[in-house]
Amino acid sequence: MFAVIETGGKQYLVKAGDTLKIEKIVGEANAEVIFDKVLMLADDAGGEVKVGSPYIADAKVTATILAQARAKKVRVVKYKRKVRYCKVHGHRQDYTKVKIASL
């Protein structure tokens, strides 16, 4: 069985036992999180498919927070030739690593 959930403005295809890096959500490590914005539920064979409009009522996906961390640094460079203008900035995005427990 798999589901499509929405969190952080993005959609993820998840199965039980999957680990994901999602946009940062509030919570400590080993805390349980419930995703109630389920867009689609289906079994592995594709025989039974439920599609919400936009979400399926009474459907939820539970997960466990594994870690709150930061991604690798991304360098942002602004450069203008002939003017001696060069700026370099760095950015590290926060993320939450979760493990899907059940659908």
PDB file of N, CA and C in Angstrom:
ATOM      1  N   MET A   1       0.846  -1.173   0.000  1.00  0.00           N
ATOM      2  CA  MET A   1       0.000   0.000   0.000  1.00  0.00           C
ATOM      3  C   MET A   1       0.895   1.241   0.000  1.00  0.00           C
ATOM      4  N   PHE A   2       0.516   2.253  -0.754  1.00  0.00           N
ATOM      5  CA  PHE A   2       1.273   3.493  -0.775  1.00  0.00           C
ATOM      6  C   PHE A   2       0.311   4.666  -0.785  1.00  0.00           C
ATOM      7  N   ALA A   3       0.859   5.844  -0.479  1.00  0.00           N
ATOM      8  CA  ALA A   3       0.042   7.050  -0.399  1.00  0.00           C
ATOM      9  C   ALA A   3       0.837   8.226  -0.942  1.00  0.00           C
ATOM     10  N   VAL A   4       0.110   9.260  -1.326  1.00  0.00           N
ATOM     11  CA  VAL A   4       0.718  10.532  -1.716  1.00  0.00           C
ATOM     12  C   VAL A   4       0.280  11.547  -0.667  1.00  0.00           C
ATOM     13  N   ILE A   5       1.260  12.137   0.033  1.00  0.00           N
ATOM     14  CA  ILE A   5       0.959  13.114   1.075  1.00  0.00           C
ATOM     15  C   ILE A   5       1.505  14.470   0.672  1.00  0.00           C
ATOM     16  N   GLU A   6       0.974  15.509   1.298  1.00  0.00           N
ATOM     17  CA  GLU A   6       1.445  16.873   1.055  1.00  0.00           C
ATOM     18  C   GLU A   6       1.956  17.445   2.366  1.00  0.00           C
ATOM     19  N   THR A   7       3.173  17.970   2.333  1.00  0.00           N
ATOM     20  CA  THR A   7       3.743  18.655   3.481  1.00  0.00           C
ATOM     21  C   THR A   7       4.803  19.629   2.999  1.00  0.00           C
ATOM     22  N   GLY A   8       4.833  20.801   3.587  1.00  0.00           N
ATOM     23  CA  GLY A   8       5.829  21.800   3.214  1.00  0.00           C
ATOM     24  C   GLY A   8       5.670  22.306   1.794  1.00  0.00           C
ATOM     25  N   GLY A   9       4.457  22.240   1.235  1.00  0.00           N
ATOM     26  CA  GLY A   9       4.230  22.701  -0.118  1.00  0.00           C
ATOM     27  C   GLY A   9       4.691  21.733  -1.192  1.00  0.00           C
ATOM     28  N   LYS A  10       5.077  20.516  -0.788  1.00  0.00           N
ATOM     29  CA  LYS A  10       5.541  19.504  -1.733  1.00  0.00           C
ATOM     30  C   LYS A  10       4.729  18.233  -1.545  1.00  0.00           C
ATOM     31  N   GLN A  11       4.735  17.373  -2.551  1.00  0.00           N
ATOM     32  CA  GLN A  11       4.024  16.101  -2.489  1.00  0.00           C
ATOM     33  C   GLN A  11       5.033  14.970  -2.494  1.00  0.00           C
ATOM     34  N   TYR A  12       4.782  13.937  -1.674  1.00  0.00           N
ATOM     35  CA  TYR A  12       5.686  12.810  -1.537  1.00  0.00           C
ATOM     36  C   TYR A  12       4.913  11.504  -1.700  1.00  0.00           C
ATOM     37  N   LEU A  13       5.480  10.561  -2.436  1.00  0.00           N
ATOM     38  CA  LEU A  13       4.949   9.219  -2.562  1.00  0.00           C
ATOM     39  C   LEU A  13       5.606   8.374  -1.478  1.00  0.00           C
ATOM     40  N   VAL A  14       4.813   7.821  -0.552  1.00  0.00           N
ATOM     41  CA  VAL A  14       5.371   7.126   0.602  1.00  0.00           C
ATOM     42  C   VAL A  14       4.773   5.734   0.747  1.00  0.00           C
ATOM     43  N   LYS A  15       5.581   4.846   1.321  1.00  0.00           N
ATOM     44  CA  LYS A  15       5.160   3.505   1.720  1.00  0.00           C
ATOM     45  C   LYS A  15       5.566   3.324   3.177  1.00  0.00           C
ATOM     46  N   ALA A  16       5.024   2.325   3.828  1.00  0.00           N
ATOM     47  CA  ALA A  16       5.407   2.031   5.209  1.00  0.00           C
ATOM     48  C   ALA A  16       6.877   1.604   5.238  1.00  0.00           C
ATOM     49  N   GLY A  17       7.654   2.200   6.143  1.00  0.00           N
ATOM     50  CA  GLY A  17       9.075   1.887   6.266  1.00  0.00           C
ATOM     51  C   GLY A  17       9.998   2.836   5.524  1.00  0.00           C
ATOM     52  N   ASP A  18       9.477   3.739   4.703  1.00  0.00           N
ATOM     53  CA  ASP A  18      10.306   4.698   3.961  1.00  0.00           C
ATOM     54  C   ASP A  18      10.862   5.770   4.901  1.00  0.00           C
ATOM     55  N   THR A  19      12.050   6.293   4.577  1.00  0.00           N
ATOM     56  CA  THR A  19      12.600   7.453   5.273  1.00  0.00           C
ATOM     57  C   THR A  19      12.654   8.605   4.282  1.00  0.00           C
ATOM     58  N   LEU A  20      12.273   9.803   4.753  1.00  0.00           N
ATOM     59  CA  LEU A  20      12.193  10.985   3.897  1.00  0.00           C
ATOM     60  C   LEU A  20      12.894  12.158   4.544  1.00  0.00           C
ATOM     61  N   LYS A  21      13.398  13.060   3.715  1.00  0.00           N
ATOM     62  CA  LYS A  21      13.855  14.375   4.163  1.00  0.00           C
ATOM     63  C   LYS A  21      12.810  15.370   3.693  1.00  0.00           C
ATOM     64  N   ILE A  22      12.103  15.990   4.640  1.00  0.00           N
ATOM     65  CA  ILE A  22      11.044  16.929   4.304  1.00  0.00           C
ATOM     66  C   ILE A  22      11.393  18.297   4.858  1.00  0.00           C
ATOM     67  N   GLU A  23      10.627  19.317   4.466  1.00  0.00           N
ATOM     68  CA  GLU A  23      10.814  20.648   5.022  1.00  0.00           C
ATOM     69  C   GLU A  23      10.655  20.577   6.533  1.00  0.00           C
ATOM     70  N   LYS A  24      11.334  21.445   7.246  1.00  0.00           N
ATOM     71  CA  LYS A  24      11.351  21.379   8.701  1.00  0.00           C
ATOM     72  C   LYS A  24       9.952  21.507   9.290  1.00  0.00           C
ATOM     73  N   ILE A  25       9.648  20.596  10.218  1.00  0.00           N
ATOM     74  CA  ILE A  25       8.412  20.647  10.977  1.00  0.00           C
ATOM     75  C   ILE A  25       8.766  20.673  12.452  1.00  0.00           C
ATOM     76  N   VAL A  26       7.840  21.109  13.279  1.00  0.00           N
ATOM     77  CA  VAL A  26       8.093  21.237  14.710  1.00  0.00           C
ATOM     78  C   VAL A  26       8.014  19.863  15.357  1.00  0.00           C
ATOM     79  N   GLY A  27       9.001  19.554  16.206  1.00  0.00           N
ATOM     80  CA  GLY A  27       8.983  18.291  16.928  1.00  0.00           C
ATOM     81  C   GLY A  27      10.385  17.857  17.320  1.00  0.00           C
ATOM     82  N   GLU A  28      10.438  17.061  18.369  1.00  0.00           N
ATOM     83  CA  GLU A  28      11.700  16.506  18.853  1.00  0.00           C
ATOM     84  C   GLU A  28      11.969  15.171  18.164  1.00  0.00           C
ATOM     85  N   ALA A  29      13.186  14.663  18.331  1.00  0.00           N
ATOM     86  CA  ALA A  29      13.523  13.347  17.801  1.00  0.00           C
ATOM     87  C   ALA A  29      12.707  12.292  18.545  1.00  0.00           C
ATOM     88  N   ASN A  30      12.329  11.240  17.843  1.00  0.00           N
ATOM     89  CA  ASN A  30      11.510  10.127  18.336  1.00  0.00           C
ATOM     90  C   ASN A  30      10.067  10.521  18.636  1.00  0.00           C
ATOM     91  N   ALA A  31       9.630  11.685  18.207  1.00  0.00           N
ATOM     92  CA  ALA A  31       8.233  12.087  18.377  1.00  0.00           C
ATOM     93  C   ALA A  31       7.418  11.572  17.187  1.00  0.00           C
ATOM     94  N   GLU A  32       6.129  11.359  17.418  1.00  0.00           N
ATOM     95  CA  GLU A  32       5.250  10.882  16.361  1.00  0.00           C
ATOM     96  C   GLU A  32       4.584  12.057  15.667  1.00  0.00           C
ATOM     97  N   VAL A  33       4.495  11.981  14.344  1.00  0.00           N
ATOM     98  CA  VAL A  33       3.884  13.029  13.532  1.00  0.00           C
ATOM     99  C   VAL A  33       2.773  12.394  12.709  1.00  0.00           C
ATOM    100  N   ILE A  34       1.659  13.100  12.578  1.00  0.00           N
ATOM    101  CA  ILE A  34       0.546  12.615  11.768  1.00  0.00           C
ATOM    102  C   ILE A  34       0.354  13.559  10.587  1.00  0.00           C
ATOM    103  N   PHE A  35       0.410  13.003   9.375  1.00  0.00           N
ATOM    104  CA  PHE A  35       0.146  13.765   8.161  1.00  0.00           C
ATOM    105  C   PHE A  35      -1.295  13.484   7.756  1.00  0.00           C
ATOM    106  N   ASP A  36      -2.142  14.509   7.817  1.00  0.00           N
ATOM    107  CA  ASP A  36      -3.549  14.313   7.491  1.00  0.00           C
ATOM    108  C   ASP A  36      -3.909  14.810   6.096  1.00  0.00           C
ATOM    109  N   LYS A  37      -2.970  15.428   5.406  1.00  0.00           N
ATOM    110  CA  LYS A  37      -3.206  15.884   4.033  1.00  0.00           C
ATOM    111  C   LYS A  37      -2.795  14.764   3.071  1.00  0.00           C
ATOM    112  N   VAL A  38      -3.674  13.772   2.940  1.00  0.00           N
ATOM    113  CA  VAL A  38      -3.423  12.624   2.075  1.00  0.00           C
ATOM    114  C   VAL A  38      -4.171  12.853   0.768  1.00  0.00           C
ATOM    115  N   LEU A  39      -3.437  12.880  -0.339  1.00  0.00           N
ATOM    116  CA  LEU A  39      -4.022  13.146  -1.647  1.00  0.00           C
ATOM    117  C   LEU A  39      -4.507  11.885  -2.343  1.00  0.00           C
ATOM    118  N   MET A  40      -3.803  10.750  -2.102  1.00  0.00           N
ATOM    119  CA  MET A  40      -4.164   9.515  -2.778  1.00  0.00           C
ATOM    120  C   MET A  40      -3.739   8.321  -1.944  1.00  0.00           C
ATOM    121  N   LEU A  41      -4.544   7.269  -1.953  1.00  0.00           N
ATOM    122  CA  LEU A  41      -4.217   5.982  -1.347  1.00  0.00           C
ATOM    123  C   LEU A  41      -4.408   4.904  -2.393  1.00  0.00           C
ATOM    124  N   ALA A  42      -3.495   3.933  -2.442  1.00  0.00           N
ATOM    125  CA  ALA A  42      -3.618   2.841  -3.409  1.00  0.00           C
ATOM    126  C   ALA A  42      -2.919   1.608  -2.867  1.00  0.00           C
ATOM    127  N   ASP A  43      -3.379   0.435  -3.305  1.00  0.00           N
ATOM    128  CA  ASP A  43      -2.665  -0.781  -2.944  1.00  0.00           C
ATOM    129  C   ASP A  43      -1.581  -1.051  -3.984  1.00  0.00           C
ATOM    130  N   ASP A  44      -0.679  -1.987  -3.684  1.00  0.00           N
ATOM    131  CA  ASP A  44       0.471  -2.219  -4.557  1.00  0.00           C
ATOM    132  C   ASP A  44       0.069  -2.764  -5.928  1.00  0.00           C
ATOM    133  N   ALA A  45      -1.003  -3.527  -5.989  1.00  0.00           N
ATOM    134  CA  ALA A  45      -1.425  -4.099  -7.268  1.00  0.00           C
ATOM    135  C   ALA A  45      -2.132  -3.067  -8.143  1.00  0.00           C
ATOM    136  N   GLY A  46      -2.593  -1.964  -7.543  1.00  0.00           N
ATOM    137  CA  GLY A  46      -3.290  -0.940  -8.312  1.00  0.00           C
ATOM    138  C   GLY A  46      -4.773  -1.228  -8.478  1.00  0.00           C
ATOM    139  N   GLY A  47      -5.272  -2.216  -7.737  1.00  0.00           N
ATOM    140  CA  GLY A  47      -6.677  -2.571  -7.859  1.00  0.00           C
ATOM    141  C   GLY A  47      -7.608  -1.575  -7.200  1.00  0.00           C
ATOM    142  N   GLU A  48      -7.234  -1.110  -6.028  1.00  0.00           N
ATOM    143  CA  GLU A  48      -8.078  -0.161  -5.294  1.00  0.00           C
ATOM    144  C   GLU A  48      -7.336   1.157  -5.141  1.00  0.00           C
ATOM    145  N   VAL A  49      -7.889   2.206  -5.715  1.00  0.00           N
ATOM    146  CA  VAL A  49      -7.271   3.529  -5.668  1.00  0.00           C
ATOM    147  C   VAL A  49      -8.306   4.528  -5.168  1.00  0.00           C
ATOM    148  N   LYS A  50      -7.916   5.321  -4.145  1.00  0.00           N
ATOM    149  CA  LYS A  50      -8.776   6.395  -3.649  1.00  0.00           C
ATOM    150  C   LYS A  50      -8.070   7.713  -3.919  1.00  0.00           C
ATOM    151  N   VAL A  51      -8.770   8.612  -4.592  1.00  0.00           N
ATOM    152  CA  VAL A  51      -8.217   9.927  -4.903  1.00  0.00           C
ATOM    153  C   VAL A  51      -9.100  10.967  -4.241  1.00  0.00           C
ATOM    154  N   GLY A  52      -8.497  11.890  -3.500  1.00  0.00           N
ATOM    155  CA  GLY A  52      -9.250  12.930  -2.813  1.00  0.00           C
ATOM    156  C   GLY A  52      -9.443  14.146  -3.687  1.00  0.00           C
ATOM    157  N   SER A  53     -10.319  15.023  -3.206  1.00  0.00           N
ATOM    158  CA  SER A  53     -10.517  16.282  -3.932  1.00  0.00           C
ATOM    159  C   SER A  53     -10.596  17.432  -2.937  1.00  0.00           C
ATOM    160  N   PRO A  54      -9.540  18.030  -2.493  1.00  0.00           N
ATOM    161  CA  PRO A  54      -8.150  17.668  -2.759  1.00  0.00           C
ATOM    162  C   PRO A  54      -7.622  16.602  -1.817  1.00  0.00           C
ATOM    163  N   TYR A  55      -8.227  16.432  -0.617  1.00  0.00           N
ATOM    164  CA  TYR A  55      -7.708  15.462   0.348  1.00  0.00           C
ATOM    165  C   TYR A  55      -8.756  14.393   0.629  1.00  0.00           C
ATOM    166  N   ILE A  56      -8.275  13.222   1.072  1.00  0.00           N
ATOM    167  CA  ILE A  56      -9.159  12.132   1.450  1.00  0.00           C
ATOM    168  C   ILE A  56      -9.561  12.335   2.907  1.00  0.00           C
ATOM    169  N   ALA A  57     -10.866  12.344   3.164  1.00  0.00           N
ATOM    170  CA  ALA A  57     -11.354  12.505   4.534  1.00  0.00           C
ATOM    171  C   ALA A  57     -11.038  11.242   5.339  1.00  0.00           C
ATOM    172  N   ASP A  58     -10.689  11.421   6.595  1.00  0.00           N
ATOM    173  CA  ASP A  58     -10.402  10.322   7.537  1.00  0.00           C
ATOM    174  C   ASP A  58      -9.192   9.485   7.153  1.00  0.00           C
ATOM    175  N   ALA A  59      -8.321   9.968   6.312  1.00  0.00           N
ATOM    176  CA  ALA A  59      -7.093   9.251   5.971  1.00  0.00           C
ATOM    177  C   ALA A  59      -5.927   9.962   6.634  1.00  0.00           C
ATOM    178  N   LYS A  60      -4.991   9.174   7.175  1.00  0.00           N
ATOM    179  CA  LYS A  60      -3.818   9.766   7.809  1.00  0.00           C
ATOM    180  C   LYS A  60      -2.627   8.842   7.667  1.00  0.00           C
ATOM    181  N   VAL A  61      -1.456   9.439   7.700  1.00  0.00           N
ATOM    182  CA  VAL A  61      -0.195   8.713   7.635  1.00  0.00           C
ATOM    183  C   VAL A  61       0.590   9.093   8.887  1.00  0.00           C
ATOM    184  N   THR A  62       1.041   8.095   9.643  1.00  0.00           N
ATOM    185  CA  THR A  62       1.821   8.369  10.846  1.00  0.00           C
ATOM    186  C   THR A  62       3.295   8.130  10.559  1.00  0.00           C
ATOM    187  N   ALA A  63       4.119   8.963  11.169  1.00  0.00           N
ATOM    188  CA  ALA A  63       5.566   8.873  10.973  1.00  0.00           C
ATOM    189  C   ALA A  63       6.275   9.202  12.284  1.00  0.00           C
ATOM    190  N   THR A  64       7.550   8.848  12.351  1.00  0.00           N
ATOM    191  CA  THR A  64       8.386   9.135  13.506  1.00  0.00           C
ATOM    192  C   THR A  64       9.527  10.031  13.071  1.00  0.00           C
ATOM    193  N   ILE A  65       9.784  11.089  13.839  1.00  0.00           N
ATOM    194  CA  ILE A  65      10.893  11.995  13.518  1.00  0.00           C
ATOM    195  C   ILE A  65      12.202  11.329  13.929  1.00  0.00           C
ATOM    196  N   LEU A  66      13.110  11.195  12.972  1.00  0.00           N
ATOM    197  CA  LEU A  66      14.416  10.617  13.246  1.00  0.00           C
ATOM    198  C   LEU A  66      15.429  11.690  13.633  1.00  0.00           C
ATOM    199  N   ALA A  67      15.412  12.827  12.938  1.00  0.00           N
ATOM    200  CA  ALA A  67      16.409  13.869  13.204  1.00  0.00           C
ATOM    201  C   ALA A  67      15.933  15.211  12.675  1.00  0.00           C
ATOM    202  N   GLN A  68      16.384  16.267  13.331  1.00  0.00           N
ATOM    203  CA  GLN A  68      16.248  17.643  12.842  1.00  0.00           C
ATOM    204  C   GLN A  68      17.655  18.064  12.446  1.00  0.00           C
ATOM    205  N   ALA A  69      17.867  18.412  11.191  1.00  0.00           N
ATOM    206  CA  ALA A  69      19.235  18.689  10.735  1.00  0.00           C
ATOM    207  C   ALA A  69      19.228  19.801   9.699  1.00  0.00           C
ATOM    208  N   ARG A  70      20.430  20.075   9.178  1.00  0.00           N
ATOM    209  CA  ARG A  70      20.607  21.089   8.144  1.00  0.00           C
ATOM    210  C   ARG A  70      21.319  20.454   6.956  1.00  0.00           C
ATOM    211  N   ALA A  71      20.947  20.869   5.771  1.00  0.00           N
ATOM    212  CA  ALA A  71      21.532  20.336   4.542  1.00  0.00           C
ATOM    213  C   ALA A  71      22.921  20.927   4.318  1.00  0.00           C
ATOM    214  N   LYS A  72      23.601  20.439   3.297  1.00  0.00           N
ATOM    215  CA  LYS A  72      24.910  20.979   2.947  1.00  0.00           C
ATOM    216  C   LYS A  72      24.771  22.416   2.469  1.00  0.00           C
ATOM    217  N   LYS A  73      25.846  23.172   2.580  1.00  0.00           N
ATOM    218  CA  LYS A  73      25.825  24.580   2.200  1.00  0.00           C
ATOM    219  C   LYS A  73      25.744  24.742   0.691  1.00  0.00           C
ATOM    220  N   VAL A  74      24.883  25.650   0.280  1.00  0.00           N
ATOM    221  CA  VAL A  74      24.748  26.019  -1.126  1.00  0.00           C
ATOM    222  C   VAL A  74      25.338  27.410  -1.279  1.00  0.00           C
ATOM    223  N   ARG A  75      26.271  27.560  -2.225  1.00  0.00           N
ATOM    224  CA  ARG A  75      26.895  28.867  -2.447  1.00  0.00           C
ATOM    225  C   ARG A  75      26.112  29.643  -3.496  1.00  0.00           C
ATOM    226  N   VAL A  76      25.835  30.904  -3.178  1.00  0.00           N
ATOM    227  CA  VAL A  76      25.136  31.790  -4.098  1.00  0.00           C
ATOM    228  C   VAL A  76      26.120  32.893  -4.474  1.00  0.00           C
ATOM    229  N   VAL A  77      26.424  33.013  -5.770  1.00  0.00           N
ATOM    230  CA  VAL A  77      27.430  33.965  -6.240  1.00  0.00           C
ATOM    231  C   VAL A  77      26.761  35.005  -7.126  1.00  0.00           C
ATOM    232  N   LYS A  78      27.025  36.285  -6.816  1.00  0.00           N
ATOM    233  CA  LYS A  78      26.592  37.383  -7.683  1.00  0.00           C
ATOM    234  C   LYS A  78      27.861  38.012  -8.250  1.00  0.00           C
ATOM    235  N   TYR A  79      27.906  38.174  -9.567  1.00  0.00           N
ATOM    236  CA  TYR A  79      29.120  38.658 -10.204  1.00  0.00           C
ATOM    237  C   TYR A  79      28.754  39.556 -11.372  1.00  0.00           C
ATOM    238  N   LYS A  80      29.413  40.707 -11.451  1.00  0.00           N
ATOM    239  CA  LYS A  80      29.254  41.603 -12.598  1.00  0.00           C
ATOM    240  C   LYS A  80      30.650  41.887 -13.138  1.00  0.00           C
ATOM    241  N   ARG A  81      30.834  41.568 -14.386  1.00  0.00           N
ATOM    242  CA  ARG A  81      32.155  41.759 -14.977  1.00  0.00           C
ATOM    243  C   ARG A  81      32.417  43.241 -15.233  1.00  0.00           C
ATOM    244  N   LYS A  82      33.653  43.612 -15.298  1.00  0.00           N
ATOM    245  CA  LYS A  82      34.141  44.966 -15.598  1.00  0.00           C
ATOM    246  C   LYS A  82      33.827  45.986 -14.509  1.00  0.00           C
ATOM    247  N   VAL A  83      33.192  45.595 -13.432  1.00  0.00           N
ATOM    248  CA  VAL A  83      32.816  46.552 -12.386  1.00  0.00           C
ATOM    249  C   VAL A  83      33.478  46.185 -11.056  1.00  0.00           C
ATOM    250  N   ARG A  84      34.162  45.049 -11.030  1.00  0.00           N
ATOM    251  CA  ARG A  84      34.790  44.534  -9.808  1.00  0.00           C
ATOM    252  C   ARG A  84      33.752  44.271  -8.718  1.00  0.00           C
ATOM    253  N   TYR A  85      32.640  43.684  -9.120  1.00  0.00           N
ATOM    254  CA  TYR A  85      31.574  43.377  -8.169  1.00  0.00           C
ATOM    255  C   TYR A  85      31.436  41.861  -8.069  1.00  0.00           C
ATOM    256  N   CYS A  86      31.646  41.356  -6.862  1.00  0.00           N
ATOM    257  CA  CYS A  86      31.514  39.924  -6.631  1.00  0.00           C
ATOM    258  C   CYS A  86      31.060  39.705  -5.197  1.00  0.00           C
ATOM    259  N   LYS A  87      29.932  39.028  -5.006  1.00  0.00           N
ATOM    260  CA  LYS A  87      29.441  38.705  -3.669  1.00  0.00           C
ATOM    261  C   LYS A  87      29.173  37.208  -3.608  1.00  0.00           C
ATOM    262  N   VAL A  88      29.567  36.594  -2.510  1.00  0.00           N
ATOM    263  CA  VAL A  88      29.344  35.171  -2.298  1.00  0.00           C
ATOM    264  C   VAL A  88      28.605  35.012  -0.974  1.00  0.00           C
ATOM    265  N   HIS A  89      27.466  34.349  -1.031  1.00  0.00           N
ATOM    266  CA  HIS A  89      26.678  34.065   0.158  1.00  0.00           C
ATOM    267  C   HIS A  89      26.489  32.557   0.253  1.00  0.00           C
ATOM    268  N   GLY A  90      26.286  32.082   1.469  1.00  0.00           N
ATOM    269  CA  GLY A  90      26.008  30.669   1.671  1.00  0.00           C
ATOM    270  C   GLY A  90      24.649  30.493   2.316  1.00  0.00           C
ATOM    271  N   HIS A  91      24.031  29.329   2.076  1.00  0.00           N
ATOM    272  CA  HIS A  91      22.716  29.042   2.656  1.00  0.00           C
ATOM    273  C   HIS A  91      22.650  27.564   3.011  1.00  0.00           C
ATOM    274  N   ARG A  92      22.157  27.267   4.217  1.00  0.00           N
ATOM    275  CA  ARG A  92      21.921  25.887   4.643  1.00  0.00           C
ATOM    276  C   ARG A  92      20.456  25.749   5.016  1.00  0.00           C
ATOM    277  N   GLN A  93      19.752  24.872   4.321  1.00  0.00           N
ATOM    278  CA  GLN A  93      18.325  24.675   4.540  1.00  0.00           C
ATOM    279  C   GLN A  93      18.095  23.689   5.683  1.00  0.00           C
ATOM    280  N   ASP A  94      17.170  24.016   6.579  1.00  0.00           N
ATOM    281  CA  ASP A  94      16.778  23.101   7.646  1.00  0.00           C
ATOM    282  C   ASP A  94      15.845  22.034   7.073  1.00  0.00           C
ATOM    283  N   TYR A  95      15.969  20.799   7.575  1.00  0.00           N
ATOM    284  CA  TYR A  95      15.065  19.736   7.157  1.00  0.00           C
ATOM    285  C   TYR A  95      14.806  18.799   8.330  1.00  0.00           C
ATOM    286  N   THR A  96      13.776  17.988   8.174  1.00  0.00           N
ATOM    287  CA  THR A  96      13.423  16.977   9.160  1.00  0.00           C
ATOM    288  C   THR A  96      13.450  15.621   8.478  1.00  0.00           C
ATOM    289  N   LYS A  97      14.121  14.673   9.095  1.00  0.00           N
ATOM    290  CA  LYS A  97      14.183  13.320   8.566  1.00  0.00           C
ATOM    291  C   LYS A  97      13.137  12.485   9.308  1.00  0.00           C
ATOM    292  N   VAL A  98      12.205  11.892   8.562  1.00  0.00           N
ATOM    293  CA  VAL A  98      11.125  11.108   9.169  1.00  0.00           C
ATOM    294  C   VAL A  98      11.100   9.705   8.587  1.00  0.00           C
ATOM    295  N   LYS A  99      10.564   8.765   9.384  1.00  0.00           N
ATOM    296  CA  LYS A  99      10.352   7.393   8.942  1.00  0.00           C
ATOM    297  C   LYS A  99       8.868   7.103   9.001  1.00  0.00           C
ATOM    298  N   ILE A 100       8.303   6.650   7.889  1.00  0.00           N
ATOM    299  CA  ILE A 100       6.877   6.375   7.806  1.00  0.00           C
ATOM    300  C   ILE A 100       6.577   5.078   8.565  1.00  0.00           C
ATOM    301  N   ALA A 101       5.642   5.171   9.523  1.00  0.00           N
ATOM    302  CA  ALA A 101       5.291   4.008  10.333  1.00  0.00           C
ATOM    303  C   ALA A 101       4.119   3.243   9.741  1.00  0.00           C
ATOM    304  N   SER A 102       3.025   3.940   9.484  1.00  0.00           N
ATOM    305  CA  SER A 102       1.851   3.248   8.949  1.00  0.00           C
ATOM    306  C   SER A 102       1.028   4.193   8.083  1.00  0.00           C
ATOM    307  N   LEU A 103       0.214   3.584   7.216  1.00  0.00           N
ATOM    308  CA  LEU A 103      -0.662   4.354   6.338  1.00  0.00           C
ATOM    309  C   LEU A 103      -2.101   4.231   6.810  1.00  0.00           C
TER     310      LEU A 103
END
